[in-house]
């Protein structure tokens, strides 16, 4: 598994990212954006597993990045569309703020890597 060879700081980041996304379960009953976040996180993993198990498909980092962008964007849009619900004096507001930070960092790399993978696939 490639993840076993990642640097410690990257493993810590991935753990924080997963914890932040999965914490959406706590807020999913009362907050629509949390449902979108959870669905996107689960969807990206289901798609990754499906690709891993498709004969002839090779799972590459850029493809995973593209899956993140495709599946996670609805959660980001939902959070941004419901900003008035994000108040730092509530658990939901703190979680949503942390998640917006996670989206910003992750998408900084995922968008770039997804584009590089797409360009590679079309031969550019």
N, C-alpha and C. Protein backbone atom coordinates (compact mmCIF):
# COMPACT_ATOMS: atom_id res chain seq x y z
N UNK A 1 0.84 -1.18 0.00
CA UNK A 1 0.00 0.00 0.00
C UNK A 1 0.88 1.25 0.00
N UNK A 2 0.62 2.14 -0.92
CA UNK A 2 1.44 3.35 -1.08
C UNK A 2 1.36 4.26 0.14
N UNK A 3 0.24 4.24 0.84
CA UNK A 3 0.09 5.12 2.01
C UNK A 3 1.06 4.78 3.12
N UNK A 4 1.45 3.53 3.22
CA UNK A 4 2.38 3.11 4.27
C UNK A 4 3.74 3.78 4.12
N UNK A 5 4.07 4.22 2.92
CA UNK A 5 5.37 4.84 2.66
C UNK A 5 5.32 6.36 2.70
N UNK A 6 4.19 6.93 3.04
CA UNK A 6 4.07 8.39 3.10
C UNK A 6 4.79 8.93 4.33
N UNK A 7 5.27 10.18 4.24
CA UNK A 7 5.90 10.80 5.41
C UNK A 7 4.89 10.96 6.56
N UNK A 8 5.41 11.04 7.76
CA UNK A 8 4.57 11.15 8.95
C UNK A 8 3.64 12.36 8.87
N UNK A 9 4.14 13.51 8.40
CA UNK A 9 3.31 14.71 8.34
C UNK A 9 2.14 14.52 7.39
N UNK A 10 2.37 13.76 6.30
CA UNK A 10 1.29 13.51 5.34
C UNK A 10 0.25 12.57 5.94
N UNK A 11 0.70 11.57 6.67
CA UNK A 11 -0.22 10.66 7.34
C UNK A 11 -1.07 11.42 8.37
N UNK A 12 -0.43 12.35 9.09
CA UNK A 12 -1.17 13.16 10.06
C UNK A 12 -2.21 14.03 9.36
N UNK A 13 -1.84 14.63 8.22
CA UNK A 13 -2.78 15.45 7.46
C UNK A 13 -3.96 14.62 6.98
N UNK A 14 -3.68 13.44 6.42
CA UNK A 14 -4.75 12.58 5.92
C UNK A 14 -5.67 12.13 7.06
N UNK A 15 -5.10 11.88 8.22
CA UNK A 15 -5.92 11.53 9.39
C UNK A 15 -6.82 12.68 9.80
N UNK A 16 -6.26 13.89 9.85
CA UNK A 16 -7.05 15.08 10.19
C UNK A 16 -8.15 15.31 9.17
N UNK A 17 -7.81 15.17 7.88
CA UNK A 17 -8.78 15.34 6.80
C UNK A 17 -9.92 14.34 6.96
N UNK A 18 -9.59 13.07 7.15
CA UNK A 18 -10.62 12.04 7.29
C UNK A 18 -11.49 12.29 8.51
N UNK A 19 -10.87 12.64 9.63
CA UNK A 19 -11.63 12.92 10.85
C UNK A 19 -12.58 14.10 10.65
N UNK A 20 -12.10 15.13 9.98
CA UNK A 20 -12.93 16.31 9.73
C UNK A 20 -14.12 15.96 8.85
N UNK A 21 -13.87 15.24 7.76
CA UNK A 21 -14.97 14.84 6.87
C UNK A 21 -15.94 13.91 7.58
N UNK A 22 -15.43 12.90 8.27
CA UNK A 22 -16.31 11.92 8.92
C UNK A 22 -17.08 12.51 10.09
N UNK A 23 -16.58 13.60 10.67
CA UNK A 23 -17.31 14.28 11.74
C UNK A 23 -18.63 14.86 11.25
N UNK A 24 -18.79 14.93 9.94
CA UNK A 24 -20.05 15.43 9.38
C UNK A 24 -21.24 14.59 9.85
N UNK A 25 -20.99 13.34 10.23
CA UNK A 25 -22.06 12.47 10.73
C UNK A 25 -22.75 13.13 11.93
N UNK A 26 -21.98 13.79 12.77
CA UNK A 26 -22.52 14.42 13.97
C UNK A 26 -23.55 15.49 13.62
N UNK A 27 -23.35 16.17 12.50
CA UNK A 27 -24.19 17.32 12.14
C UNK A 27 -25.18 17.02 11.03
N UNK A 28 -25.13 15.82 10.47
CA UNK A 28 -25.92 15.50 9.27
C UNK A 28 -27.42 15.58 9.50
N UNK A 29 -27.89 15.28 10.68
CA UNK A 29 -29.34 15.30 10.93
C UNK A 29 -29.92 16.71 10.84
N UNK A 30 -29.17 17.70 11.31
CA UNK A 30 -29.70 19.07 11.40
C UNK A 30 -29.13 20.05 10.38
N UNK A 31 -28.14 19.63 9.60
CA UNK A 31 -27.49 20.56 8.67
C UNK A 31 -27.30 19.90 7.31
N UNK A 32 -27.97 20.44 6.31
CA UNK A 32 -27.89 19.91 4.94
C UNK A 32 -26.45 19.86 4.43
N UNK A 33 -25.64 20.91 4.62
CA UNK A 33 -24.26 20.84 4.12
C UNK A 33 -23.48 19.63 4.65
N UNK A 34 -23.73 19.27 5.90
CA UNK A 34 -23.03 18.11 6.47
C UNK A 34 -23.41 16.83 5.73
N UNK A 35 -24.65 16.74 5.29
CA UNK A 35 -25.07 15.56 4.51
C UNK A 35 -24.34 15.51 3.18
N UNK A 36 -24.20 16.67 2.52
CA UNK A 36 -23.47 16.73 1.24
C UNK A 36 -22.00 16.37 1.44
N UNK A 37 -21.42 16.86 2.52
CA UNK A 37 -20.01 16.57 2.83
C UNK A 37 -19.82 15.06 3.02
N UNK A 38 -20.69 14.46 3.82
CA UNK A 38 -20.60 13.03 4.08
C UNK A 38 -20.81 12.22 2.80
N UNK A 39 -21.82 12.58 2.02
CA UNK A 39 -22.09 11.87 0.77
C UNK A 39 -20.91 11.97 -0.20
N UNK A 40 -20.31 13.15 -0.28
CA UNK A 40 -19.16 13.33 -1.17
C UNK A 40 -17.95 12.53 -0.73
N UNK A 41 -17.71 12.50 0.57
CA UNK A 41 -16.56 11.75 1.09
C UNK A 41 -16.75 10.26 0.85
N UNK A 42 -17.93 9.75 1.17
CA UNK A 42 -18.22 8.33 0.93
C UNK A 42 -18.19 8.04 -0.57
N UNK A 43 -18.80 8.91 -1.37
CA UNK A 43 -18.83 8.71 -2.82
C UNK A 43 -17.45 8.64 -3.43
N UNK A 44 -16.55 9.50 -2.98
CA UNK A 44 -15.18 9.48 -3.53
C UNK A 44 -14.48 8.17 -3.20
N UNK A 45 -14.75 7.64 -2.02
CA UNK A 45 -14.13 6.36 -1.65
C UNK A 45 -14.74 5.19 -2.40
N UNK A 46 -16.05 5.22 -2.59
CA UNK A 46 -16.71 4.16 -3.37
C UNK A 46 -16.18 4.17 -4.81
N UNK A 47 -16.05 5.36 -5.39
CA UNK A 47 -15.53 5.47 -6.76
C UNK A 47 -14.09 4.98 -6.83
N UNK A 48 -13.29 5.31 -5.84
CA UNK A 48 -11.89 4.87 -5.81
C UNK A 48 -11.81 3.35 -5.75
N UNK A 49 -12.62 2.75 -4.89
CA UNK A 49 -12.63 1.28 -4.77
C UNK A 49 -13.09 0.65 -6.08
N UNK A 50 -14.11 1.23 -6.70
CA UNK A 50 -14.61 0.70 -7.97
C UNK A 50 -13.52 0.74 -9.05
N UNK A 51 -12.79 1.84 -9.10
CA UNK A 51 -11.71 1.96 -10.10
C UNK A 51 -10.59 0.97 -9.80
N UNK A 52 -10.25 0.83 -8.53
CA UNK A 52 -9.20 -0.13 -8.15
C UNK A 52 -9.56 -1.55 -8.58
N UNK A 53 -10.84 -1.86 -8.59
CA UNK A 53 -11.29 -3.21 -8.92
C UNK A 53 -11.73 -3.37 -10.36
N UNK A 54 -11.47 -2.36 -11.20
CA UNK A 54 -11.80 -2.44 -12.61
C UNK A 54 -10.56 -2.88 -13.38
N UNK A 55 -10.68 -3.99 -14.06
CA UNK A 55 -9.54 -4.50 -14.81
C UNK A 55 -9.14 -3.51 -15.90
N UNK A 56 -7.86 -3.26 -16.00
CA UNK A 56 -7.36 -2.34 -17.01
C UNK A 56 -7.24 -0.91 -16.52
N UNK A 57 -7.82 -0.61 -15.37
CA UNK A 57 -7.71 0.75 -14.81
C UNK A 57 -6.58 0.78 -13.79
N UNK A 58 -5.75 1.78 -13.88
CA UNK A 58 -4.68 1.97 -12.92
C UNK A 58 -5.01 3.21 -12.11
N UNK A 59 -5.06 3.04 -10.82
CA UNK A 59 -5.38 4.16 -9.94
C UNK A 59 -4.13 4.99 -9.74
N UNK A 60 -4.16 6.21 -10.19
CA UNK A 60 -3.03 7.13 -10.06
C UNK A 60 -3.45 8.30 -9.18
N UNK A 61 -2.46 8.95 -8.58
CA UNK A 61 -2.74 10.04 -7.66
C UNK A 61 -3.59 11.13 -8.30
N UNK A 62 -3.31 11.48 -9.54
CA UNK A 62 -4.07 12.53 -10.21
C UNK A 62 -5.53 12.16 -10.39
N UNK A 63 -5.79 10.89 -10.62
CA UNK A 63 -7.18 10.43 -10.74
C UNK A 63 -7.90 10.54 -9.41
N UNK A 64 -7.23 10.16 -8.34
CA UNK A 64 -7.81 10.30 -7.00
C UNK A 64 -8.11 11.78 -6.73
N UNK A 65 -7.19 12.65 -7.10
CA UNK A 65 -7.40 14.09 -6.92
C UNK A 65 -8.62 14.56 -7.69
N UNK A 66 -8.77 14.10 -8.92
CA UNK A 66 -9.93 14.46 -9.72
C UNK A 66 -11.22 13.96 -9.08
N UNK A 67 -11.20 12.76 -8.54
CA UNK A 67 -12.37 12.23 -7.83
C UNK A 67 -12.71 13.09 -6.62
N UNK A 68 -11.70 13.55 -5.91
CA UNK A 68 -11.95 14.45 -4.78
C UNK A 68 -12.68 15.71 -5.24
N UNK A 69 -12.17 16.32 -6.29
CA UNK A 69 -12.78 17.56 -6.79
C UNK A 69 -14.22 17.32 -7.21
N UNK A 70 -14.45 16.24 -7.94
CA UNK A 70 -15.81 15.95 -8.44
C UNK A 70 -16.77 15.66 -7.29
N UNK A 71 -16.36 14.81 -6.37
CA UNK A 71 -17.28 14.37 -5.31
C UNK A 71 -17.37 15.35 -4.14
N UNK A 72 -16.30 16.08 -3.86
CA UNK A 72 -16.31 16.97 -2.70
C UNK A 72 -16.88 18.35 -2.99
N UNK A 73 -16.89 18.76 -4.24
CA UNK A 73 -17.36 20.11 -4.58
C UNK A 73 -18.80 20.38 -4.12
N UNK A 74 -19.75 19.45 -4.27
CA UNK A 74 -21.11 19.76 -3.79
C UNK A 74 -21.15 20.10 -2.29
N UNK A 75 -20.34 19.44 -1.49
CA UNK A 75 -20.29 19.77 -0.06
C UNK A 75 -19.75 21.16 0.17
N UNK A 76 -18.71 21.53 -0.56
CA UNK A 76 -18.15 22.88 -0.45
C UNK A 76 -19.16 23.92 -0.87
N UNK A 77 -19.83 23.69 -1.99
CA UNK A 77 -20.84 24.63 -2.48
C UNK A 77 -21.97 24.77 -1.46
N UNK A 78 -22.39 23.67 -0.88
CA UNK A 78 -23.46 23.71 0.12
C UNK A 78 -23.03 24.49 1.36
N UNK A 79 -21.80 24.28 1.81
CA UNK A 79 -21.29 25.06 2.96
C UNK A 79 -21.26 26.55 2.64
N UNK A 80 -20.74 26.89 1.47
CA UNK A 80 -20.64 28.30 1.09
C UNK A 80 -22.01 28.93 0.88
N UNK A 81 -22.97 28.14 0.44
CA UNK A 81 -24.33 28.65 0.22
C UNK A 81 -25.09 28.85 1.52
N UNK A 82 -24.61 28.24 2.58
CA UNK A 82 -25.27 28.34 3.89
C UNK A 82 -24.34 28.96 4.93
N UNK A 83 -23.57 29.95 4.52
CA UNK A 83 -22.59 30.57 5.41
C UNK A 83 -23.23 31.19 6.65
N UNK A 84 -24.47 31.64 6.53
CA UNK A 84 -25.11 32.29 7.67
C UNK A 84 -25.28 31.33 8.84
N UNK A 85 -25.23 30.02 8.59
CA UNK A 85 -25.34 29.02 9.66
C UNK A 85 -24.01 28.76 10.36
N UNK A 86 -22.93 29.30 9.82
CA UNK A 86 -21.60 29.03 10.36
C UNK A 86 -21.24 30.13 11.37
N UNK A 87 -21.40 29.78 12.64
CA UNK A 87 -21.07 30.70 13.73
C UNK A 87 -20.03 30.03 14.62
N UNK A 88 -18.97 30.74 14.91
CA UNK A 88 -17.87 30.15 15.67
C UNK A 88 -18.21 29.86 17.13
N UNK A 89 -19.39 30.28 17.57
CA UNK A 89 -19.80 29.98 18.95
C UNK A 89 -20.61 28.69 19.03
N UNK A 90 -20.57 27.88 17.95
CA UNK A 90 -21.28 26.60 17.96
C UNK A 90 -20.35 25.50 17.47
N UNK A 91 -20.63 24.28 17.88
CA UNK A 91 -19.83 23.14 17.42
C UNK A 91 -19.90 23.01 15.90
N UNK A 92 -21.09 23.20 15.35
CA UNK A 92 -21.24 23.13 13.89
C UNK A 92 -20.39 24.19 13.20
N UNK A 93 -20.39 25.40 13.73
CA UNK A 93 -19.62 26.48 13.13
C UNK A 93 -18.12 26.22 13.17
N UNK A 94 -17.65 25.67 14.27
CA UNK A 94 -16.23 25.33 14.38
C UNK A 94 -15.88 24.23 13.38
N UNK A 95 -16.73 23.19 13.33
CA UNK A 95 -16.50 22.10 12.37
C UNK A 95 -16.51 22.63 10.94
N UNK A 96 -17.51 23.43 10.59
CA UNK A 96 -17.62 23.95 9.22
C UNK A 96 -16.40 24.81 8.88
N UNK A 97 -15.92 25.60 9.82
CA UNK A 97 -14.74 26.43 9.58
C UNK A 97 -13.50 25.57 9.36
N UNK A 98 -13.33 24.54 10.18
CA UNK A 98 -12.21 23.62 9.98
C UNK A 98 -12.31 22.93 8.63
N UNK A 99 -13.52 22.54 8.26
CA UNK A 99 -13.71 21.87 6.98
C UNK A 99 -13.41 22.80 5.81
N UNK A 100 -13.78 24.06 5.91
CA UNK A 100 -13.45 25.01 4.85
C UNK A 100 -11.94 25.14 4.69
N UNK A 101 -11.22 25.11 5.81
CA UNK A 101 -9.76 25.12 5.76
C UNK A 101 -9.24 23.85 5.06
N UNK A 102 -9.81 22.70 5.42
CA UNK A 102 -9.40 21.42 4.80
C UNK A 102 -9.66 21.46 3.30
N UNK A 103 -10.85 21.93 2.90
CA UNK A 103 -11.15 22.06 1.47
C UNK A 103 -10.11 22.94 0.77
N UNK A 104 -9.78 24.07 1.38
CA UNK A 104 -8.84 25.01 0.75
C UNK A 104 -7.47 24.36 0.53
N UNK A 105 -6.98 23.68 1.55
CA UNK A 105 -5.67 23.03 1.42
C UNK A 105 -5.75 21.87 0.43
N UNK A 106 -6.74 21.00 0.59
CA UNK A 106 -6.84 19.82 -0.28
C UNK A 106 -7.04 20.22 -1.74
N UNK A 107 -7.92 21.18 -1.99
CA UNK A 107 -8.20 21.56 -3.37
C UNK A 107 -7.01 22.28 -4.01
N UNK A 108 -6.16 22.92 -3.21
CA UNK A 108 -4.95 23.55 -3.74
C UNK A 108 -4.12 22.52 -4.50
N UNK A 109 -4.06 21.32 -3.96
CA UNK A 109 -3.29 20.25 -4.60
C UNK A 109 -4.15 19.40 -5.54
N UNK A 110 -5.38 19.10 -5.12
CA UNK A 110 -6.22 18.21 -5.92
C UNK A 110 -6.59 18.80 -7.27
N UNK A 111 -6.88 20.08 -7.33
CA UNK A 111 -7.23 20.69 -8.62
C UNK A 111 -6.03 20.63 -9.56
N UNK A 112 -4.87 21.02 -9.05
CA UNK A 112 -3.66 20.98 -9.87
C UNK A 112 -3.36 19.55 -10.34
N UNK A 113 -3.36 18.61 -9.42
CA UNK A 113 -3.02 17.22 -9.76
C UNK A 113 -4.05 16.60 -10.69
N UNK A 114 -5.32 16.95 -10.50
CA UNK A 114 -6.37 16.44 -11.38
C UNK A 114 -6.21 16.95 -12.80
N UNK A 115 -5.85 18.22 -12.94
CA UNK A 115 -5.63 18.80 -14.27
C UNK A 115 -4.42 18.14 -14.93
N UNK A 116 -3.34 17.96 -14.18
CA UNK A 116 -2.15 17.30 -14.73
C UNK A 116 -2.51 15.90 -15.22
N UNK A 117 -3.29 15.16 -14.44
CA UNK A 117 -3.69 13.81 -14.84
C UNK A 117 -4.55 13.84 -16.11
N UNK A 118 -5.52 14.77 -16.15
CA UNK A 118 -6.37 14.88 -17.35
C UNK A 118 -5.54 15.21 -18.59
N UNK A 119 -4.62 16.15 -18.46
CA UNK A 119 -3.77 16.51 -19.60
C UNK A 119 -2.92 15.32 -20.05
N UNK A 120 -2.42 14.56 -19.09
CA UNK A 120 -1.65 13.35 -19.42
C UNK A 120 -2.53 12.35 -20.17
N UNK A 121 -3.76 12.18 -19.73
CA UNK A 121 -4.66 11.20 -20.34
C UNK A 121 -5.04 11.58 -21.77
N UNK A 122 -5.11 12.88 -22.06
CA UNK A 122 -5.46 13.30 -23.43
C UNK A 122 -4.22 13.52 -24.28
N UNK A 123 -3.04 13.29 -23.70
CA UNK A 123 -1.81 13.36 -24.47
C UNK A 123 -1.23 14.74 -24.64
N UNK A 124 -1.53 15.63 -23.73
CA UNK A 124 -0.98 16.99 -23.81
C UNK A 124 0.25 17.08 -22.93
